[in-house]
Amino acid sequence: MAYFITDECIACGACEGECEVEAISEGEDKYVIDAALCTDCGTCADICPVEAIKPGDEA
């Protein structure tokens, strides 16, 4: 399951540059993950300073 970004996102952009498959992009209020591109590696969740990125099974 793809990771997702919660409303706790502070839009710092740290995750976007870490995504090897470019699945993360800037949304209106927060960054978003394209589930079709996400490989479920977890790198974005590891780098997030506010722990706003969660595995899809926590939705």
PDB file of N, CA and C in Angstrom:
ATOM      1  N   MET A   1       0.834  -1.193   0.000  1.00  0.00           N
ATOM      2  CA  MET A   1       0.000   0.000   0.000  1.00  0.00           C
ATOM      3  C   MET A   1       0.878   1.255   0.000  1.00  0.00           C
ATOM      4  N   ALA A   2       0.453   2.248  -0.716  1.00  0.00           N
ATOM      5  CA  ALA A   2       1.195   3.497  -0.805  1.00  0.00           C
ATOM      6  C   ALA A   2       1.152   4.270   0.511  1.00  0.00           C
ATOM      7  N   TYR A   3       2.177   5.059   0.730  1.00  0.00           N
ATOM      8  CA  TYR A   3       2.193   5.966   1.879  1.00  0.00           C
ATOM      9  C   TYR A   3       1.271   7.142   1.581  1.00  0.00           C
ATOM     10  N   PHE A   4       0.855   7.860   2.632  1.00  0.00           N
ATOM     11  CA  PHE A   4       0.049   9.051   2.455  1.00  0.00           C
ATOM     12  C   PHE A   4       0.529  10.129   3.415  1.00  0.00           C
ATOM     13  N   ILE A   5       0.227  11.363   3.099  1.00  0.00           N
ATOM     14  CA  ILE A   5       0.649  12.495   3.914  1.00  0.00           C
ATOM     15  C   ILE A   5      -0.558  13.040   4.656  1.00  0.00           C
ATOM     16  N   THR A   6      -0.430  13.151   5.968  1.00  0.00           N
ATOM     17  CA  THR A   6      -1.535  13.606   6.818  1.00  0.00           C
ATOM     18  C   THR A   6      -1.616  15.135   6.846  1.00  0.00           C
ATOM     19  N   ASP A   7      -2.641  15.640   7.499  1.00  0.00           N
ATOM     20  CA  ASP A   7      -2.831  17.083   7.628  1.00  0.00           C
ATOM     21  C   ASP A   7      -1.772  17.736   8.520  1.00  0.00           C
ATOM     22  N   GLU A   8      -0.951  16.946   9.176  1.00  0.00           N
ATOM     23  CA  GLU A   8       0.122  17.500  10.004  1.00  0.00           C
ATOM     24  C   GLU A   8       1.276  18.031   9.157  1.00  0.00           C
ATOM     25  N   CYS A   9       1.240  17.798   7.852  1.00  0.00           N
ATOM     26  CA  CYS A   9       2.281  18.251   6.929  1.00  0.00           C
ATOM     27  C   CYS A   9       2.465  19.765   7.051  1.00  0.00           C
ATOM     28  N   ILE A  10       3.734  20.195   7.170  1.00  0.00           N
ATOM     29  CA  ILE A  10       4.044  21.615   7.259  1.00  0.00           C
ATOM     30  C   ILE A  10       4.555  22.160   5.922  1.00  0.00           C
ATOM     31  N   ALA A  11       4.449  21.373   4.872  1.00  0.00           N
ATOM     32  CA  ALA A  11       4.838  21.757   3.511  1.00  0.00           C
ATOM     33  C   ALA A  11       6.289  22.228   3.425  1.00  0.00           C
ATOM     34  N   CYS A  12       7.171  21.544   4.117  1.00  0.00           N
ATOM     35  CA  CYS A  12       8.588  21.922   4.102  1.00  0.00           C
ATOM     36  C   CYS A  12       9.299  21.437   2.834  1.00  0.00           C
ATOM     37  N   GLY A  13       8.762  20.388   2.199  1.00  0.00           N
ATOM     38  CA  GLY A  13       9.332  19.891   0.958  1.00  0.00           C
ATOM     39  C   GLY A  13      10.456  18.882   1.115  1.00  0.00           C
ATOM     40  N   ALA A  14      10.799  18.524   2.328  1.00  0.00           N
ATOM     41  CA  ALA A  14      11.900  17.589   2.557  1.00  0.00           C
ATOM     42  C   ALA A  14      11.662  16.244   1.873  1.00  0.00           C
ATOM     43  N   CYS A  15      10.434  15.796   1.865  1.00  0.00           N
ATOM     44  CA  CYS A  15      10.105  14.485   1.315  1.00  0.00           C
ATOM     45  C   CYS A  15      10.196  14.442  -0.206  1.00  0.00           C
ATOM     46  N   GLU A  16       9.843  15.524  -0.873  1.00  0.00           N
ATOM     47  CA  GLU A  16       9.784  15.542  -2.334  1.00  0.00           C
ATOM     48  C   GLU A  16      11.132  15.181  -2.953  1.00  0.00           C
ATOM     49  N   GLY A  17      12.199  15.757  -2.462  1.00  0.00           N
ATOM     50  CA  GLY A  17      13.521  15.494  -3.003  1.00  0.00           C
ATOM     51  C   GLY A  17      14.053  14.112  -2.690  1.00  0.00           C
ATOM     52  N   GLU A  18      13.518  13.476  -1.670  1.00  0.00           N
ATOM     53  CA  GLU A  18      13.970  12.144  -1.274  1.00  0.00           C
ATOM     54  C   GLU A  18      13.302  11.017  -2.053  1.00  0.00           C
ATOM     55  N   CYS A  19      12.172  11.300  -2.696  1.00  0.00           N
ATOM     56  CA  CYS A  19      11.424  10.255  -3.385  1.00  0.00           C
ATOM     57  C   CYS A  19      12.110   9.877  -4.697  1.00  0.00           C
ATOM     58  N   GLU A  20      12.577   8.633  -4.784  1.00  0.00           N
ATOM     59  CA  GLU A  20      13.314   8.164  -5.958  1.00  0.00           C
ATOM     60  C   GLU A  20      12.439   7.999  -7.193  1.00  0.00           C
ATOM     61  N   VAL A  21      11.123   7.844  -7.009  1.00  0.00           N
ATOM     62  CA  VAL A  21      10.233   7.638  -8.155  1.00  0.00           C
ATOM     63  C   VAL A  21       9.376   8.876  -8.447  1.00  0.00           C
ATOM     64  N   GLU A  22       9.691   9.997  -7.798  1.00  0.00           N
ATOM     65  CA  GLU A  22       8.999  11.265  -7.997  1.00  0.00           C
ATOM     66  C   GLU A  22       7.487  11.156  -7.803  1.00  0.00           C
ATOM     67  N   ALA A  23       7.089  10.428  -6.758  1.00  0.00           N
ATOM     68  CA  ALA A  23       5.666  10.237  -6.456  1.00  0.00           C
ATOM     69  C   ALA A  23       5.099  11.356  -5.595  1.00  0.00           C
ATOM     70  N   ILE A  24       5.958  12.240  -5.087  1.00  0.00           N
ATOM     71  CA  ILE A  24       5.514  13.298  -4.182  1.00  0.00           C
ATOM     72  C   ILE A  24       5.548  14.638  -4.905  1.00  0.00           C
ATOM     73  N   SER A  25       4.462  15.388  -4.742  1.00  0.00           N
ATOM     74  CA  SER A  25       4.403  16.716  -5.348  1.00  0.00           C
ATOM     75  C   SER A  25       3.698  17.671  -4.388  1.00  0.00           C
ATOM     76  N   GLU A  26       3.870  18.968  -4.647  1.00  0.00           N
ATOM     77  CA  GLU A  26       3.264  19.979  -3.796  1.00  0.00           C
ATOM     78  C   GLU A  26       1.790  20.134  -4.148  1.00  0.00           C
ATOM     79  N   GLY A  27       0.939  20.005  -3.136  1.00  0.00           N
ATOM     80  CA  GLY A  27      -0.488  20.205  -3.315  1.00  0.00           C
ATOM     81  C   GLY A  27      -0.879  21.606  -2.887  1.00  0.00           C
ATOM     82  N   GLU A  28      -2.175  21.849  -2.719  1.00  0.00           N
ATOM     83  CA  GLU A  28      -2.639  23.179  -2.318  1.00  0.00           C
ATOM     84  C   GLU A  28      -2.228  23.536  -0.899  1.00  0.00           C
ATOM     85  N   ASP A  29      -2.492  22.632   0.046  1.00  0.00           N
ATOM     86  CA  ASP A  29      -2.206  22.913   1.452  1.00  0.00           C
ATOM     87  C   ASP A  29      -1.050  22.095   2.014  1.00  0.00           C
ATOM     88  N   LYS A  30      -0.730  21.001   1.343  1.00  0.00           N
ATOM     89  CA  LYS A  30       0.313  20.093   1.816  1.00  0.00           C
ATOM     90  C   LYS A  30       0.846  19.310   0.624  1.00  0.00           C
ATOM     91  N   TYR A  31       1.901  18.576   0.851  1.00  0.00           N
ATOM     92  CA  TYR A  31       2.430  17.716  -0.204  1.00  0.00           C
ATOM     93  C   TYR A  31       1.547  16.477  -0.321  1.00  0.00           C
ATOM     94  N   VAL A  32       1.540  15.880  -1.498  1.00  0.00           N
ATOM     95  CA  VAL A  32       0.705  14.705  -1.747  1.00  0.00           C
ATOM     96  C   VAL A  32       1.545  13.609  -2.400  1.00  0.00           C
ATOM     97  N   ILE A  33       1.124  12.369  -2.186  1.00  0.00           N
ATOM     98  CA  ILE A  33       1.807  11.209  -2.762  1.00  0.00           C
ATOM     99  C   ILE A  33       0.892  10.563  -3.783  1.00  0.00           C
ATOM    100  N   ASP A  34       1.410  10.349  -4.985  1.00  0.00           N
ATOM    101  CA  ASP A  34       0.666   9.653  -6.034  1.00  0.00           C
ATOM    102  C   ASP A  34       0.764   8.159  -5.753  1.00  0.00           C
ATOM    103  N   ALA A  35      -0.335   7.567  -5.326  1.00  0.00           N
ATOM    104  CA  ALA A  35      -0.350   6.152  -4.936  1.00  0.00           C
ATOM    105  C   ALA A  35       0.046   5.232  -6.084  1.00  0.00           C
ATOM    106  N   ALA A  36      -0.223   5.643  -7.306  1.00  0.00           N
ATOM    107  CA  ALA A  36       0.123   4.815  -8.462  1.00  0.00           C
ATOM    108  C   ALA A  36       1.628   4.747  -8.692  1.00  0.00           C
ATOM    109  N   LEU A  37       2.358   5.744  -8.226  1.00  0.00           N
ATOM    110  CA  LEU A  37       3.814   5.782  -8.394  1.00  0.00           C
ATOM    111  C   LEU A  37       4.576   5.304  -7.164  1.00  0.00           C
ATOM    112  N   CYS A  38       3.978   5.431  -5.994  1.00  0.00           N
ATOM    113  CA  CYS A  38       4.645   5.088  -4.734  1.00  0.00           C
ATOM    114  C   CYS A  38       5.038   3.609  -4.705  1.00  0.00           C
ATOM    115  N   THR A  39       6.299   3.349  -4.344  1.00  0.00           N
ATOM    116  CA  THR A  39       6.801   1.976  -4.259  1.00  0.00           C
ATOM    117  C   THR A  39       6.825   1.454  -2.827  1.00  0.00           C
ATOM    118  N   ASP A  40       6.285   2.237  -1.882  1.00  0.00           N
ATOM    119  CA  ASP A  40       6.169   1.810  -0.487  1.00  0.00           C
ATOM    120  C   ASP A  40       7.527   1.598   0.182  1.00  0.00           C
ATOM    121  N   CYS A  41       8.519   2.403  -0.211  1.00  0.00           N
ATOM    122  CA  CYS A  41       9.864   2.224   0.350  1.00  0.00           C
ATOM    123  C   CYS A  41      10.012   2.833   1.746  1.00  0.00           C
ATOM    124  N   GLY A  42       9.246   3.894   2.036  1.00  0.00           N
ATOM    125  CA  GLY A  42       9.295   4.506   3.360  1.00  0.00           C
ATOM    126  C   GLY A  42      10.336   5.581   3.555  1.00  0.00           C
ATOM    127  N   THR A  43      11.119   5.888   2.532  1.00  0.00           N
ATOM    128  CA  THR A  43      12.158   6.903   2.657  1.00  0.00           C
ATOM    129  C   THR A  43      11.571   8.252   3.035  1.00  0.00           C
ATOM    130  N   CYS A  44      10.438   8.590   2.459  1.00  0.00           N
ATOM    131  CA  CYS A  44       9.802   9.877   2.752  1.00  0.00           C
ATOM    132  C   CYS A  44       9.384   9.960   4.222  1.00  0.00           C
ATOM    133  N   ALA A  45       8.844   8.890   4.739  1.00  0.00           N
ATOM    134  CA  ALA A  45       8.414   8.875   6.138  1.00  0.00           C
ATOM    135  C   ALA A  45       9.605   9.030   7.074  1.00  0.00           C
ATOM    136  N   ASP A  46      10.735   8.448   6.691  1.00  0.00           N
ATOM    137  CA  ASP A  46      11.941   8.544   7.521  1.00  0.00           C
ATOM    138  C   ASP A  46      12.484   9.965   7.582  1.00  0.00           C
ATOM    139  N   ILE A  47      12.327  10.723   6.512  1.00  0.00           N
ATOM    140  CA  ILE A  47      12.901  12.065   6.432  1.00  0.00           C
ATOM    141  C   ILE A  47      11.968  13.152   6.969  1.00  0.00           C
ATOM    142  N   CYS A  48      10.673  12.871   7.090  1.00  0.00           N
ATOM    143  CA  CYS A  48       9.691  13.884   7.496  1.00  0.00           C
ATOM    144  C   CYS A  48       9.969  14.370   8.924  1.00  0.00           C
ATOM    145  N   PRO A  49      10.191  15.685   9.092  1.00  0.00           N
ATOM    146  CA  PRO A  49      10.520  16.210  10.426  1.00  0.00           C
ATOM    147  C   PRO A  49       9.351  16.227  11.408  1.00  0.00           C
ATOM    148  N   VAL A  50       8.118  16.125  10.909  1.00  0.00           N
ATOM    149  CA  VAL A  50       6.954  16.166  11.796  1.00  0.00           C
ATOM    150  C   VAL A  50       6.170  14.847  11.776  1.00  0.00           C
ATOM    151  N   GLU A  51       6.743  13.820  11.194  1.00  0.00           N
ATOM    152  CA  GLU A  51       6.134  12.481  11.123  1.00  0.00           C
ATOM    153  C   GLU A  51       4.716  12.516  10.544  1.00  0.00           C
ATOM    154  N   ALA A  52       4.550  13.284   9.450  1.00  0.00           N
ATOM    155  CA  ALA A  52       3.253  13.445   8.812  1.00  0.00           C
ATOM    156  C   ALA A  52       3.004  12.439   7.705  1.00  0.00           C
ATOM    157  N   ILE A  53       3.957  11.536   7.460  1.00  0.00           N
ATOM    158  CA  ILE A  53       3.800  10.535   6.386  1.00  0.00           C
ATOM    159  C   ILE A  53       3.629   9.167   7.012  1.00  0.00           C
ATOM    160  N   LYS A  54       2.538   8.507   6.642  1.00  0.00           N
ATOM    161  CA  LYS A  54       2.168   7.233   7.247  1.00  0.00           C
ATOM    162  C   LYS A  54       1.985   6.149   6.176  1.00  0.00           C
ATOM    163  N   PRO A  55       2.194   4.891   6.558  1.00  0.00           N
ATOM    164  CA  PRO A  55       1.915   3.796   5.622  1.00  0.00           C
ATOM    165  C   PRO A  55       0.424   3.748   5.297  1.00  0.00           C
ATOM    166  N   GLY A  56       0.091   3.319   4.095  1.00  0.00           N
ATOM    167  CA  GLY A  56      -1.291   3.281   3.655  1.00  0.00           C
ATOM    168  C   GLY A  56      -2.197   2.444   4.525  1.00  0.00           C
ATOM    169  N   ASP A  57      -1.668   1.445   5.213  1.00  0.00           N
ATOM    170  CA  ASP A  57      -2.515   0.607   6.055  1.00  0.00           C
ATOM    171  C   ASP A  57      -2.935   1.289   7.346  1.00  0.00           C
ATOM    172  N   GLU A  58      -2.442   2.509   7.607  1.00  0.00           N
ATOM    173  CA  GLU A  58      -2.844   3.261   8.791  1.00  0.00           C
ATOM    174  C   GLU A  58      -3.953   4.244   8.468  1.00  0.00           C
ATOM    175  N   ALA A  59      -4.438   4.234   7.242  1.00  0.00           N
ATOM    176  CA  ALA A  59      -5.483   5.192   6.817  1.00  0.00           C
ATOM    177  C   ALA A  59      -6.789   4.944   7.540  1.00  0.00           C
TER     178      ALA A  59
END
